[in-house]
Amino acid sequence: MNSPPIVPGFAALLAVSSAILHGVSLGSRGHPGVALLTVVMVVGCLYCAYELLTRDTLRAWVLVAMMNLAMIGVHLPMTGAHPHGEPAVAASASAATPMHLATLVAIVEVLLAATVLLVRTRALAPGAVPPCHSGRHDAGATTGRPARRDLDRLPEPN
């Protein structure tokens, strides 16, 4: 079950906007390691957008959620949101606004990905699957399990 085309398209638009925000903040990076990490994130954002537009699978949505959770984890210390009130890493003033915006976009993407994953996978819950009416079952086994758990055998003739 795929999402309506507007949902992955909107998520891909968010991913591209995140890549643009990373690109804008790239010029203000002082340390080469931070600049390299930013370039990797730009590529990651564009890859997520590509996956959503071309495949729209559970894997693509999990990738979006995980990438954005990682991005939030990296951005929060850099934007000065340190739990004790002191910035953990000093971000330049010109990079702070794109980083704050990219963090907000990441939060929206995580919420969207979680919603899509919840809607798509709730039908996979054990109670949501109708019972199997194909033949004998083990006594006391959960509904839908074939006798002797031999899944490779052909059904017995009636």
N, C-alpha and C. Protein backbone atom coordinates (compact mmCIF):
# COMPACT_ATOMS: atom_id res chain seq x y z
N MET A 1 0.84 -1.17 0.00
CA MET A 1 0.00 0.00 0.00
C MET A 1 0.89 1.24 0.00
N ASN A 2 0.92 1.96 -1.10
CA ASN A 2 1.70 3.18 -1.19
C ASN A 2 0.86 4.37 -0.76
N SER A 3 1.56 5.43 -0.40
CA SER A 3 0.89 6.66 0.00
C SER A 3 0.34 7.35 -1.24
N PRO A 4 -0.64 8.25 -1.05
CA PRO A 4 -1.03 9.09 -2.18
C PRO A 4 0.20 9.86 -2.66
N PRO A 5 0.34 10.12 -3.95
CA PRO A 5 1.57 10.72 -4.48
C PRO A 5 1.95 12.05 -3.82
N ILE A 6 1.00 12.74 -3.24
CA ILE A 6 1.30 14.03 -2.62
C ILE A 6 2.17 13.86 -1.37
N VAL A 7 2.01 12.75 -0.65
CA VAL A 7 2.74 12.56 0.61
C VAL A 7 4.24 12.36 0.37
N PRO A 8 4.66 11.40 -0.48
CA PRO A 8 6.10 11.30 -0.73
C PRO A 8 6.65 12.52 -1.46
N GLY A 9 5.82 13.16 -2.28
CA GLY A 9 6.27 14.38 -2.96
C GLY A 9 6.54 15.50 -1.98
N PHE A 10 5.66 15.66 -0.99
CA PHE A 10 5.86 16.67 0.04
C PHE A 10 7.10 16.35 0.87
N ALA A 11 7.28 15.08 1.23
CA ALA A 11 8.46 14.68 2.01
C ALA A 11 9.73 14.89 1.20
N ALA A 12 9.69 14.60 -0.11
CA ALA A 12 10.86 14.83 -0.96
C ALA A 12 11.16 16.32 -1.05
N LEU A 13 10.13 17.15 -1.11
CA LEU A 13 10.33 18.60 -1.12
C LEU A 13 10.98 19.07 0.17
N LEU A 14 10.56 18.50 1.29
CA LEU A 14 11.21 18.83 2.56
C LEU A 14 12.67 18.40 2.57
N ALA A 15 12.96 17.22 2.01
CA ALA A 15 14.34 16.73 1.97
C ALA A 15 15.21 17.63 1.08
N VAL A 16 14.67 18.06 -0.04
CA VAL A 16 15.43 18.96 -0.93
C VAL A 16 15.64 20.31 -0.24
N SER A 17 14.62 20.80 0.46
CA SER A 17 14.80 22.07 1.17
C SER A 17 15.84 21.94 2.28
N SER A 18 15.90 20.78 2.90
CA SER A 18 16.94 20.53 3.91
C SER A 18 18.32 20.53 3.27
N ALA A 19 18.42 19.92 2.08
CA ALA A 19 19.71 19.92 1.36
C ALA A 19 20.10 21.35 1.00
N ILE A 20 19.14 22.17 0.59
CA ILE A 20 19.45 23.57 0.25
C ILE A 20 19.91 24.33 1.49
N LEU A 21 19.23 24.11 2.62
CA LEU A 21 19.64 24.77 3.86
C LEU A 21 21.05 24.35 4.28
N HIS A 22 21.38 23.09 4.08
CA HIS A 22 22.74 22.65 4.38
C HIS A 22 23.74 23.31 3.43
N GLY A 23 23.36 23.41 2.15
CA GLY A 23 24.24 24.06 1.19
C GLY A 23 24.48 25.52 1.50
N VAL A 24 23.43 26.21 1.96
CA VAL A 24 23.56 27.63 2.33
C VAL A 24 24.51 27.79 3.51
N SER A 25 24.40 26.90 4.48
CA SER A 25 25.25 27.02 5.66
C SER A 25 26.67 26.50 5.42
N LEU A 26 26.92 25.90 4.27
CA LEU A 26 28.23 25.32 3.98
C LEU A 26 29.33 26.38 3.92
N GLY A 27 29.01 27.57 3.41
CA GLY A 27 30.02 28.61 3.27
C GLY A 27 30.53 29.15 4.59
N SER A 28 29.77 28.97 5.66
CA SER A 28 30.17 29.53 6.96
C SER A 28 30.90 28.53 7.84
N ARG A 29 31.22 27.37 7.34
CA ARG A 29 31.89 26.34 8.15
C ARG A 29 33.39 26.63 8.18
N GLY A 30 33.95 26.64 9.38
CA GLY A 30 35.38 26.90 9.52
C GLY A 30 36.22 25.64 9.43
N HIS A 31 35.82 24.60 10.10
CA HIS A 31 36.60 23.36 10.18
C HIS A 31 36.29 22.49 8.97
N PRO A 32 37.33 21.92 8.32
CA PRO A 32 37.08 21.07 7.15
C PRO A 32 36.26 19.82 7.47
N GLY A 33 36.37 19.29 8.67
CA GLY A 33 35.60 18.11 9.05
C GLY A 33 34.11 18.41 9.11
N VAL A 34 33.77 19.60 9.62
CA VAL A 34 32.36 20.00 9.69
C VAL A 34 31.84 20.24 8.28
N ALA A 35 32.67 20.84 7.42
CA ALA A 35 32.25 21.06 6.02
C ALA A 35 32.03 19.73 5.31
N LEU A 36 32.88 18.76 5.55
CA LEU A 36 32.72 17.43 4.94
C LEU A 36 31.44 16.76 5.43
N LEU A 37 31.18 16.84 6.73
CA LEU A 37 29.95 16.28 7.28
C LEU A 37 28.72 16.96 6.67
N THR A 38 28.81 18.26 6.44
CA THR A 38 27.70 18.99 5.83
C THR A 38 27.46 18.53 4.40
N VAL A 39 28.52 18.31 3.64
CA VAL A 39 28.38 17.82 2.27
C VAL A 39 27.76 16.42 2.28
N VAL A 40 28.16 15.58 3.22
CA VAL A 40 27.58 14.24 3.34
C VAL A 40 26.09 14.35 3.64
N MET A 41 25.71 15.29 4.49
CA MET A 41 24.29 15.47 4.80
C MET A 41 23.51 15.97 3.60
N VAL A 42 24.11 16.84 2.78
CA VAL A 42 23.45 17.31 1.55
C VAL A 42 23.16 16.12 0.64
N VAL A 43 24.17 15.27 0.47
CA VAL A 43 24.00 14.08 -0.37
C VAL A 43 22.94 13.15 0.24
N GLY A 44 22.97 12.99 1.56
CA GLY A 44 21.98 12.15 2.23
C GLY A 44 20.56 12.68 2.05
N CYS A 45 20.39 13.98 2.14
CA CYS A 45 19.06 14.58 1.95
C CYS A 45 18.56 14.34 0.53
N LEU A 46 19.44 14.53 -0.44
CA LEU A 46 19.05 14.32 -1.84
C LEU A 46 18.75 12.84 -2.11
N TYR A 47 19.49 11.95 -1.46
CA TYR A 47 19.24 10.52 -1.63
C TYR A 47 17.87 10.15 -1.06
N CYS A 48 17.53 10.70 0.10
CA CYS A 48 16.21 10.42 0.69
C CYS A 48 15.10 10.93 -0.23
N ALA A 49 15.28 12.12 -0.80
CA ALA A 49 14.28 12.66 -1.73
C ALA A 49 14.12 11.74 -2.93
N TYR A 50 15.24 11.25 -3.46
CA TYR A 50 15.20 10.33 -4.61
C TYR A 50 14.46 9.04 -4.25
N GLU A 51 14.78 8.47 -3.09
CA GLU A 51 14.14 7.23 -2.65
C GLU A 51 12.63 7.41 -2.52
N LEU A 52 12.21 8.53 -1.95
CA LEU A 52 10.78 8.76 -1.76
C LEU A 52 10.06 8.93 -3.09
N LEU A 53 10.68 9.65 -4.01
CA LEU A 53 10.02 9.91 -5.29
C LEU A 53 9.98 8.67 -6.19
N THR A 54 11.00 7.84 -6.13
CA THR A 54 11.07 6.70 -7.04
C THR A 54 10.51 5.41 -6.45
N ARG A 55 10.61 5.22 -5.14
CA ARG A 55 10.22 3.93 -4.58
C ARG A 55 9.04 4.00 -3.63
N ASP A 56 9.00 4.97 -2.73
CA ASP A 56 7.93 5.12 -1.75
C ASP A 56 7.67 3.80 -1.01
N THR A 57 8.73 3.20 -0.47
CA THR A 57 8.63 1.94 0.26
C THR A 57 8.80 2.18 1.75
N LEU A 58 8.54 1.15 2.55
CA LEU A 58 8.78 1.26 3.99
C LEU A 58 10.25 1.55 4.26
N ARG A 59 11.13 0.93 3.48
CA ARG A 59 12.56 1.16 3.63
C ARG A 59 12.90 2.64 3.44
N ALA A 60 12.31 3.26 2.43
CA ALA A 60 12.58 4.68 2.17
C ALA A 60 12.10 5.54 3.34
N TRP A 61 10.93 5.23 3.90
CA TRP A 61 10.42 6.02 5.01
C TRP A 61 11.23 5.80 6.27
N VAL A 62 11.71 4.57 6.51
CA VAL A 62 12.59 4.32 7.66
C VAL A 62 13.89 5.08 7.47
N LEU A 63 14.41 5.09 6.25
CA LEU A 63 15.63 5.84 5.96
C LEU A 63 15.44 7.32 6.25
N VAL A 64 14.32 7.88 5.83
CA VAL A 64 14.02 9.29 6.09
C VAL A 64 13.97 9.55 7.59
N ALA A 65 13.26 8.70 8.31
CA ALA A 65 13.14 8.89 9.76
C ALA A 65 14.51 8.82 10.44
N MET A 66 15.31 7.81 10.09
CA MET A 66 16.61 7.64 10.75
C MET A 66 17.59 8.76 10.40
N MET A 67 17.61 9.16 9.14
CA MET A 67 18.50 10.26 8.73
C MET A 67 18.14 11.56 9.47
N ASN A 68 16.84 11.82 9.58
CA ASN A 68 16.43 13.05 10.23
C ASN A 68 16.63 13.00 11.74
N LEU A 69 16.45 11.85 12.35
CA LEU A 69 16.76 11.74 13.78
C LEU A 69 18.25 11.96 14.01
N ALA A 70 19.09 11.42 13.14
CA ALA A 70 20.53 11.65 13.26
C ALA A 70 20.85 13.14 13.06
N MET A 71 20.17 13.77 12.11
CA MET A 71 20.42 15.18 11.85
C MET A 71 20.00 16.03 13.05
N ILE A 72 18.88 15.70 13.66
CA ILE A 72 18.45 16.43 14.85
C ILE A 72 19.48 16.26 15.97
N GLY A 73 19.98 15.05 16.13
CA GLY A 73 20.99 14.79 17.14
C GLY A 73 22.27 15.56 16.92
N VAL A 74 22.62 15.81 15.67
CA VAL A 74 23.83 16.58 15.36
C VAL A 74 23.55 18.08 15.48
N HIS A 75 22.37 18.51 15.05
CA HIS A 75 22.07 19.94 15.03
C HIS A 75 21.83 20.54 16.40
N LEU A 76 21.19 19.83 17.29
CA LEU A 76 20.84 20.43 18.58
C LEU A 76 22.06 20.97 19.34
N PRO A 77 23.15 20.22 19.45
CA PRO A 77 24.31 20.81 20.13
C PRO A 77 24.91 21.99 19.35
N MET A 78 24.83 21.95 18.03
CA MET A 78 25.44 23.02 17.24
C MET A 78 24.62 24.31 17.25
N THR A 79 23.33 24.21 17.55
CA THR A 79 22.50 25.41 17.57
C THR A 79 22.46 26.05 18.95
N GLY A 80 23.19 25.49 19.90
CA GLY A 80 23.25 26.09 21.22
C GLY A 80 22.22 25.54 22.18
N ALA A 81 21.52 24.48 21.82
CA ALA A 81 20.50 23.90 22.70
C ALA A 81 21.14 22.87 23.62
N HIS A 82 22.09 23.29 24.39
CA HIS A 82 22.78 22.41 25.32
C HIS A 82 22.00 22.38 26.63
N PRO A 83 21.88 21.21 27.27
CA PRO A 83 21.02 21.11 28.45
C PRO A 83 21.43 22.01 29.61
N HIS A 84 22.67 22.41 29.70
CA HIS A 84 23.11 23.21 30.83
C HIS A 84 23.16 24.70 30.53
N GLY A 85 22.72 25.09 29.36
CA GLY A 85 22.69 26.50 29.03
C GLY A 85 23.91 27.01 28.28
N GLU A 86 25.00 26.25 28.29
CA GLU A 86 26.18 26.68 27.55
C GLU A 86 26.20 25.99 26.20
N PRO A 87 26.53 26.70 25.13
CA PRO A 87 26.62 26.04 23.82
C PRO A 87 27.75 25.03 23.82
N ALA A 88 27.46 23.83 23.34
CA ALA A 88 28.49 22.79 23.28
C ALA A 88 29.48 23.09 22.17
N VAL A 89 28.99 23.54 21.03
CA VAL A 89 29.83 23.91 19.91
C VAL A 89 29.35 25.27 19.45
N ALA A 90 30.23 26.20 19.34
CA ALA A 90 29.82 27.54 18.94
C ALA A 90 29.55 27.57 17.44
N ALA A 91 28.34 27.90 17.07
CA ALA A 91 27.98 28.04 15.66
C ALA A 91 28.03 29.51 15.31
N SER A 92 28.52 29.83 14.12
CA SER A 92 28.58 31.22 13.72
C SER A 92 27.17 31.75 13.51
N ALA A 93 27.01 33.05 13.64
CA ALA A 93 25.68 33.66 13.54
C ALA A 93 25.07 33.43 12.16
N SER A 94 25.89 33.42 11.11
CA SER A 94 25.34 33.23 9.75
C SER A 94 24.87 31.80 9.51
N ALA A 95 25.40 30.84 10.27
CA ALA A 95 24.99 29.44 10.11
C ALA A 95 23.84 29.07 11.03
N ALA A 96 23.59 29.89 12.06
CA ALA A 96 22.59 29.53 13.06
C ALA A 96 21.18 29.47 12.46
N THR A 97 20.80 30.44 11.66
CA THR A 97 19.45 30.45 11.10
C THR A 97 19.20 29.27 10.17
N PRO A 98 20.08 28.97 9.20
CA PRO A 98 19.84 27.77 8.38
C PRO A 98 19.82 26.49 9.21
N MET A 99 20.65 26.43 10.26
CA MET A 99 20.66 25.23 11.10
C MET A 99 19.36 25.09 11.87
N HIS A 100 18.83 26.20 12.39
CA HIS A 100 17.55 26.13 13.09
C HIS A 100 16.44 25.70 12.14
N LEU A 101 16.43 26.27 10.95
CA LEU A 101 15.42 25.90 9.96
C LEU A 101 15.55 24.43 9.54
N ALA A 102 16.79 23.98 9.34
CA ALA A 102 17.01 22.57 8.96
C ALA A 102 16.56 21.64 10.08
N THR A 103 16.75 22.06 11.33
CA THR A 103 16.29 21.24 12.45
C THR A 103 14.77 21.17 12.48
N LEU A 104 14.10 22.28 12.22
CA LEU A 104 12.64 22.28 12.17
C LEU A 104 12.13 21.41 11.02
N VAL A 105 12.78 21.50 9.86
CA VAL A 105 12.40 20.66 8.72
C VAL A 105 12.59 19.19 9.08
N ALA A 106 13.69 18.87 9.77
CA ALA A 106 13.95 17.48 10.18
C ALA A 106 12.88 16.98 11.13
N ILE A 107 12.43 17.83 12.04
CA ILE A 107 11.38 17.42 12.98
C ILE A 107 10.09 17.12 12.22
N VAL A 108 9.74 17.98 11.26
CA VAL A 108 8.53 17.74 10.46
C VAL A 108 8.68 16.44 9.67
N GLU A 109 9.86 16.19 9.10
CA GLU A 109 10.08 14.96 8.34
C GLU A 109 9.97 13.72 9.22
N VAL A 110 10.49 13.78 10.43
CA VAL A 110 10.39 12.64 11.34
C VAL A 110 8.93 12.36 11.68
N LEU A 111 8.17 13.41 11.97
CA LEU A 111 6.75 13.22 12.28
C LEU A 111 5.98 12.66 11.09
N LEU A 112 6.28 13.15 9.90
CA LEU A 112 5.61 12.66 8.69
C LEU A 112 5.98 11.19 8.44
N ALA A 113 7.26 10.86 8.55
CA ALA A 113 7.71 9.48 8.33
C ALA A 113 7.09 8.54 9.37
N ALA A 114 7.04 8.97 10.63
CA ALA A 114 6.44 8.14 11.66
C ALA A 114 4.95 7.90 11.39
N THR A 115 4.27 8.93 10.91
CA THR A 115 2.85 8.78 10.59
C THR A 115 2.64 7.80 9.45
N VAL A 116 3.44 7.94 8.39
CA VAL A 116 3.32 7.03 7.24
C VAL A 116 3.63 5.60 7.67
N LEU A 117 4.69 5.41 8.45
CA LEU A 117 5.04 4.07 8.90
C LEU A 117 3.96 3.48 9.80
N LEU A 118 3.35 4.29 10.66
CA LEU A 118 2.28 3.80 11.52
C LEU A 118 1.08 3.36 10.69
N VAL A 119 0.69 4.17 9.73
CA VAL A 119 -0.48 3.85 8.91
C VAL A 119 -0.23 2.60 8.08
N ARG A 120 0.96 2.49 7.52
CA ARG A 120 1.25 1.34 6.65
C ARG A 120 1.44 0.05 7.39
N THR A 121 1.97 0.10 8.60
CA THR A 121 2.31 -1.14 9.30
C THR A 121 1.27 -1.56 10.32
N ARG A 122 0.27 -0.75 10.60
CA ARG A 122 -0.70 -1.16 11.61
C ARG A 122 -1.51 -2.36 11.14
N ALA A 123 -1.65 -2.57 9.84
CA ALA A 123 -2.35 -3.74 9.32
C ALA A 123 -1.52 -5.01 9.49
N LEU A 124 -0.25 -4.87 9.82
CA LEU A 124 0.61 -6.03 9.99
C LEU A 124 0.55 -6.60 11.41
N ALA A 125 -0.19 -5.95 12.30
CA ALA A 125 -0.30 -6.41 13.68
C ALA A 125 -0.97 -7.79 13.70
N PRO A 126 -0.56 -8.66 14.61
CA PRO A 126 -1.10 -10.02 14.63
C PRO A 126 -2.62 -10.08 14.77
N GLY A 127 -3.23 -9.20 15.51
CA GLY A 127 -4.67 -9.23 15.69
C GLY A 127 -5.43 -8.73 14.47
N ALA A 128 -4.76 -8.05 13.56
CA ALA A 128 -5.43 -7.47 12.40
C ALA A 128 -5.52 -8.46 11.24
N VAL A 129 -4.77 -9.56 11.30
CA VAL A 129 -4.76 -10.54 10.22
C VAL A 129 -5.91 -11.50 10.43
N PRO A 130 -6.75 -11.72 9.41
CA PRO A 130 -7.86 -12.66 9.58
C PRO A 130 -7.33 -14.08 9.78
N PRO A 131 -8.08 -14.93 10.48
CA PRO A 131 -7.62 -16.30 10.71
C PRO A 131 -7.53 -17.09 9.40
N CYS A 132 -6.66 -18.06 9.41
CA CYS A 132 -6.45 -18.90 8.24
C CYS A 132 -7.55 -19.97 8.20
N HIS A 133 -8.15 -20.16 7.04
CA HIS A 133 -9.19 -21.18 6.87
C HIS A 133 -8.74 -22.24 5.86
N SER A 134 -7.45 -22.47 5.78
CA SER A 134 -6.93 -23.36 4.75
C SER A 134 -6.80 -24.82 5.18
N GLY A 135 -6.97 -25.14 6.44
CA GLY A 135 -6.84 -26.54 6.82
C GLY A 135 -6.60 -26.71 8.30
N ARG A 136 -6.05 -27.90 8.66
CA ARG A 136 -5.81 -28.23 10.06
C ARG A 136 -4.74 -27.34 10.66
N HIS A 137 -4.85 -27.14 11.96
CA HIS A 137 -3.86 -26.36 12.70
C HIS A 137 -3.52 -27.09 13.98
N ASP A 138 -2.35 -26.80 14.51
CA ASP A 138 -1.93 -27.39 15.78
C ASP A 138 -2.88 -26.94 16.89
N ALA A 139 -3.12 -27.83 17.83
CA ALA A 139 -3.96 -27.47 18.97
C ALA A 139 -3.23 -26.42 19.81
N GLY A 140 -3.90 -25.35 20.10
CA GLY A 140 -3.32 -24.31 20.94
C GLY A 140 -2.40 -23.35 20.22
N ALA A 141 -2.14 -23.57 18.94
CA ALA A 141 -1.27 -22.67 18.20
C ALA A 141 -2.02 -21.40 17.84
N THR A 142 -1.30 -20.37 17.56
CA THR A 142 -1.96 -19.13 17.16
C THR A 142 -2.63 -19.34 15.82
N THR A 143 -3.70 -18.63 15.59
CA THR A 143 -4.46 -18.76 14.36
C THR A 143 -3.59 -18.43 13.16
N GLY A 144 -3.70 -19.21 12.12
CA GLY A 144 -2.95 -18.94 10.90
C GLY A 144 -1.68 -19.75 10.76
N ARG A 145 -1.31 -20.55 11.76
CA ARG A 145 -0.10 -21.36 11.68
C ARG A 145 -0.44 -22.75 11.17
N PRO A 146 0.20 -23.23 10.11
CA PRO A 146 -0.08 -24.57 9.61
C PRO A 146 0.38 -25.64 10.59
N ALA A 147 -0.22 -26.82 10.48
CA ALA A 147 0.14 -27.95 11.34
C ALA A 147 1.63 -28.26 11.16
N ARG A 148 2.28 -28.61 12.23
CA ARG A 148 3.70 -28.97 12.28
C ARG A 148 4.61 -27.86 11.76
N ARG A 149 4.11 -26.68 11.57
CA ARG A 149 4.89 -25.52 11.16
C ARG A 149 5.72 -25.78 9.90
N ASP A 150 5.28 -26.71 9.06
CA ASP A 150 6.00 -27.04 7.83
C ASP A 150 5.45 -26.14 6.72
N LEU A 151 6.10 -25.06 6.47
CA LEU A 151 5.58 -24.07 5.53
C LEU A 151 5.88 -24.40 4.08
N ASP A 152 6.76 -25.36 3.83
CA ASP A 152 7.14 -25.66 2.45
C ASP A 152 6.29 -26.76 1.81
N ARG A 153 5.44 -27.41 2.56
CA ARG A 153 4.67 -28.51 1.99
C ARG A 153 3.42 -27.97 1.29
N LEU A 154 2.94 -28.71 0.35
CA LEU A 154 1.71 -28.36 -0.35
C LEU A 154 0.51 -28.64 0.54
N PRO A 155 -0.58 -27.92 0.34
CA PRO A 155 -1.78 -28.20 1.15
C PRO A 155 -2.26 -29.63 0.90
N GLU A 156 -2.80 -30.22 1.97
CA GLU A 156 -3.31 -31.59 1.87
C GLU A 156 -4.60 -31.59 1.05
N PRO A 157 -4.80 -32.60 0.21
CA PRO A 157 -6.04 -32.66 -0.55
C PRO A 157 -7.21 -32.94 0.38
N ASN A 158 -8.37 -32.43 0.03
CA ASN A 158 -9.57 -32.62 0.86
C ASN A 158 -10.10 -33.99 0.76
